[in-house]
Amino acid sequence: LNTGQYASAFHFFSASVNLKPDFPSSYMYLAITLAKLDDFENSCSAYEKAIEMESDHLFHLNYALTLASNGEFAKARQQYDHTFRIFEGLDDDSKGADMEVVEQFDTLKVALEQSGA
């Protein structure tokens, strides 16, 4: 994903899901890849599968970002709210472990406020 090789990432994460279908992070990464490939509908399905398996703040945050970037601000707000509740329950070390997550969280909050969602 980091190299922008989205077709390769798609094959990798599809294989990962097929080999270990009970690993929710693979579904999240597949969802991110599908969003990068402009397959919004299947991206949403993959996020929903990951969240069904495990309610992780990163799953909800990435799903909210994808929804917002596709103009689905009301749904993005719902996912943001889930992210917020989970994030608030983390200990301080976990909250500050990845500053990129905090930055994305804050950026999403501003975008949702500007959208009126």
C-alpha atoms as a PDB file:
ATOM      1  CA  LEU A   1       0.000   0.000   0.000  1.00  0.00           C
ATOM      2  CA  ASN A   2       2.741   2.447   0.927  1.00  0.00           C
ATOM      3  CA  THR A   3       4.373   2.093  -2.485  1.00  0.00           C
ATOM      4  CA  GLY A   4       1.162   2.837  -4.391  1.00  0.00           C
ATOM      5  CA  GLN A   5       1.093  -0.624  -5.950  1.00  0.00           C
ATOM      6  CA  TYR A   6      -2.620  -1.056  -5.320  1.00  0.00           C
ATOM      7  CA  ALA A   7      -3.216  -3.914  -7.769  1.00  0.00           C
ATOM      8  CA  SER A   8      -0.433  -5.915  -6.110  1.00  0.00           C
ATOM      9  CA  ALA A   9      -1.772  -5.013  -2.680  1.00  0.00           C
ATOM     10  CA  PHE A  10      -5.230  -6.172  -3.764  1.00  0.00           C
ATOM     11  CA  HIS A  11      -3.865  -9.609  -4.738  1.00  0.00           C
ATOM     12  CA  PHE A  12      -1.861  -9.852  -1.531  1.00  0.00           C
ATOM     13  CA  PHE A  13      -4.745  -8.947   0.799  1.00  0.00           C
ATOM     14  CA  SER A  14      -7.231 -11.062  -1.163  1.00  0.00           C
ATOM     15  CA  ALA A  15      -4.926 -14.030  -0.689  1.00  0.00           C
ATOM     16  CA  SER A  16      -4.538 -13.146   2.981  1.00  0.00           C
ATOM     17  CA  VAL A  17      -8.316 -13.113   3.458  1.00  0.00           C
ATOM     18  CA  ASN A  18      -8.648 -16.439   1.659  1.00  0.00           C
ATOM     19  CA  LEU A  19      -5.866 -18.086   3.675  1.00  0.00           C
ATOM     20  CA  LYS A  20      -6.911 -16.710   7.058  1.00  0.00           C
ATOM     21  CA  PRO A  21     -10.523 -15.506   6.880  1.00  0.00           C
ATOM     22  CA  ASP A  22     -10.715 -15.002  10.652  1.00  0.00           C
ATOM     23  CA  PHE A  23      -8.063 -12.218  10.718  1.00  0.00           C
ATOM     24  CA  PRO A  24      -9.954  -8.897  10.697  1.00  0.00           C
ATOM     25  CA  SER A  25      -6.940  -6.689   9.941  1.00  0.00           C
ATOM     26  CA  SER A  26      -6.633  -8.309   6.512  1.00  0.00           C
ATOM     27  CA  TYR A  27     -10.160  -7.161   5.725  1.00  0.00           C
ATOM     28  CA  MET A  28      -9.300  -3.614   6.802  1.00  0.00           C
ATOM     29  CA  TYR A  29      -6.234  -3.521   4.559  1.00  0.00           C
ATOM     30  CA  LEU A  30      -8.238  -5.041   1.722  1.00  0.00           C
ATOM     31  CA  ALA A  31     -10.847  -2.318   2.264  1.00  0.00           C
ATOM     32  CA  ILE A  32      -8.199   0.412   2.129  1.00  0.00           C
ATOM     33  CA  THR A  33      -6.813  -1.110  -1.063  1.00  0.00           C
ATOM     34  CA  LEU A  34     -10.244  -1.330  -2.665  1.00  0.00           C
ATOM     35  CA  ALA A  35     -10.885   2.315  -1.791  1.00  0.00           C
ATOM     36  CA  LYS A  36      -7.605   3.253  -3.476  1.00  0.00           C
ATOM     37  CA  LEU A  37      -8.782   1.290  -6.528  1.00  0.00           C
ATOM     38  CA  ASP A  38     -12.065   3.288  -6.517  1.00  0.00           C
ATOM     39  CA  ASP A  39     -14.175   0.269  -5.580  1.00  0.00           C
ATOM     40  CA  PHE A  40     -16.177   2.016  -2.872  1.00  0.00           C
ATOM     41  CA  GLU A  41     -18.937  -0.580  -2.541  1.00  0.00           C
ATOM     42  CA  ASN A  42     -16.603  -3.531  -1.998  1.00  0.00           C
ATOM     43  CA  SER A  43     -14.391  -1.408   0.217  1.00  0.00           C
ATOM     44  CA  CYS A  44     -17.382  -0.761   2.494  1.00  0.00           C
ATOM     45  CA  SER A  45     -18.198  -4.474   2.542  1.00  0.00           C
ATOM     46  CA  ALA A  46     -14.651  -5.327   3.600  1.00  0.00           C
ATOM     47  CA  TYR A  47     -14.709  -2.693   6.377  1.00  0.00           C
ATOM     48  CA  GLU A  48     -18.038  -4.037   7.612  1.00  0.00           C
ATOM     49  CA  LYS A  49     -16.641  -7.568   7.687  1.00  0.00           C
ATOM     50  CA  ALA A  50     -13.598  -6.421   9.697  1.00  0.00           C
ATOM     51  CA  ILE A  51     -15.798  -4.503  12.145  1.00  0.00           C
ATOM     52  CA  GLU A  52     -18.187  -7.445  12.458  1.00  0.00           C
ATOM     53  CA  MET A  53     -15.212  -9.542  13.562  1.00  0.00           C
ATOM     54  CA  GLU A  54     -13.600  -6.964  15.864  1.00  0.00           C
ATOM     55  CA  SER A  55     -14.576  -3.442  16.874  1.00  0.00           C
ATOM     56  CA  ASP A  56     -11.149  -1.818  16.600  1.00  0.00           C
ATOM     57  CA  HIS A  57     -10.727   1.963  16.544  1.00  0.00           C
ATOM     58  CA  LEU A  58      -8.512   1.740  13.454  1.00  0.00           C
ATOM     59  CA  PHE A  59     -11.175  -0.169  11.530  1.00  0.00           C
ATOM     60  CA  HIS A  60     -13.809   2.441  12.369  1.00  0.00           C
ATOM     61  CA  LEU A  61     -11.440   5.356  11.691  1.00  0.00           C
ATOM     62  CA  ASN A  62     -10.366   4.096   8.279  1.00  0.00           C
ATOM     63  CA  TYR A  63     -13.956   3.295   7.366  1.00  0.00           C
ATOM     64  CA  ALA A  64     -15.006   6.810   8.410  1.00  0.00           C
ATOM     65  CA  LEU A  65     -12.232   8.336   6.308  1.00  0.00           C
ATOM     66  CA  THR A  66     -13.311   6.308   3.279  1.00  0.00           C
ATOM     67  CA  LEU A  67     -16.955   7.232   3.769  1.00  0.00           C
ATOM     68  CA  ALA A  68     -16.126  10.934   4.162  1.00  0.00           C
ATOM     69  CA  SER A  69     -13.917  10.968   1.078  1.00  0.00           C
ATOM     70  CA  ASN A  70     -16.871   9.563  -0.862  1.00  0.00           C
ATOM     71  CA  GLY A  71     -19.323  12.160   0.451  1.00  0.00           C
ATOM     72  CA  GLU A  72     -21.098   9.807   2.882  1.00  0.00           C
ATOM     73  CA  PHE A  73     -20.778  12.225   5.799  1.00  0.00           C
ATOM     74  CA  ALA A  74     -23.676  10.947   7.944  1.00  0.00           C
ATOM     75  CA  LYS A  75     -22.311   7.392   7.849  1.00  0.00           C
ATOM     76  CA  ALA A  76     -18.795   8.734   8.369  1.00  0.00           C
ATOM     77  CA  ARG A  77     -20.037  10.513  11.512  1.00  0.00           C
ATOM     78  CA  GLN A  78     -21.400   7.226  12.869  1.00  0.00           C
ATOM     79  CA  GLN A  79     -18.044   5.528  12.340  1.00  0.00           C
ATOM     80  CA  TYR A  80     -16.225   8.531  13.806  1.00  0.00           C
ATOM     81  CA  ASP A  81     -18.403   8.275  16.914  1.00  0.00           C
ATOM     82  CA  HIS A  82     -17.525   4.575  17.256  1.00  0.00           C
ATOM     83  CA  THR A  83     -13.859   5.472  16.856  1.00  0.00           C
ATOM     84  CA  PHE A  84     -14.124   8.168  19.506  1.00  0.00           C
ATOM     85  CA  ARG A  85     -15.773   5.856  22.064  1.00  0.00           C
ATOM     86  CA  ILE A  86     -13.165   3.143  21.558  1.00  0.00           C
ATOM     87  CA  PHE A  87     -10.269   5.625  21.474  1.00  0.00           C
ATOM     88  CA  GLU A  88     -11.382   7.253  24.734  1.00  0.00           C
ATOM     89  CA  GLY A  89     -11.242   3.832  26.419  1.00  0.00           C
ATOM     90  CA  LEU A  90      -7.583   3.317  25.512  1.00  0.00           C
ATOM     91  CA  ASP A  91      -4.809   4.031  27.993  1.00  0.00           C
ATOM     92  CA  ASP A  92      -2.659   7.123  27.454  1.00  0.00           C
ATOM     93  CA  ASP A  93       0.265   5.142  26.008  1.00  0.00           C
ATOM     94  CA  SER A  94      -1.983   3.519  23.413  1.00  0.00           C
ATOM     95  CA  LYS A  95      -3.577   6.841  22.506  1.00  0.00           C
ATOM     96  CA  GLY A  96      -0.216   8.448  21.806  1.00  0.00           C
ATOM     97  CA  ALA A  97       1.456   5.435  20.197  1.00  0.00           C
ATOM     98  CA  ASP A  98       0.727   6.488  16.627  1.00  0.00           C
ATOM     99  CA  MET A  99       0.545  10.211  16.021  1.00  0.00           C
ATOM    100  CA  GLU A 100      -0.646   9.658  12.440  1.00  0.00           C
ATOM    101  CA  VAL A 101      -3.830   8.113  13.846  1.00  0.00           C
ATOM    102  CA  VAL A 102      -4.353  11.138  16.100  1.00  0.00           C
ATOM    103  CA  GLU A 103      -3.799  13.491  13.145  1.00  0.00           C
ATOM    104  CA  GLN A 104      -6.257  11.564  10.943  1.00  0.00           C
ATOM    105  CA  PHE A 105      -8.780  11.550  13.768  1.00  0.00           C
ATOM    106  CA  ASP A 106      -8.494  15.331  14.155  1.00  0.00           C
ATOM    107  CA  THR A 107      -8.621  15.951  10.386  1.00  0.00           C
ATOM    108  CA  LEU A 108     -11.740  13.825  10.098  1.00  0.00           C
ATOM    109  CA  LYS A 109     -13.379  15.700  12.980  1.00  0.00           C
ATOM    110  CA  VAL A 110     -12.834  19.028  11.182  1.00  0.00           C
ATOM    111  CA  ALA A 111     -14.127  17.652   7.862  1.00  0.00           C
ATOM    112  CA  LEU A 112     -17.265  16.310   9.527  1.00  0.00           C
ATOM    113  CA  GLU A 113     -17.899  19.609  11.300  1.00  0.00           C
ATOM    114  CA  GLN A 114     -17.487  21.509   8.028  1.00  0.00           C
ATOM    115  CA  SER A 115     -19.891  19.133   6.293  1.00  0.00           C
ATOM    116  CA  GLY A 116     -22.508  19.631   8.992  1.00  0.00           C
ATOM    117  CA  ALA A 117     -22.534  15.934   9.862  1.00  0.00           C
END
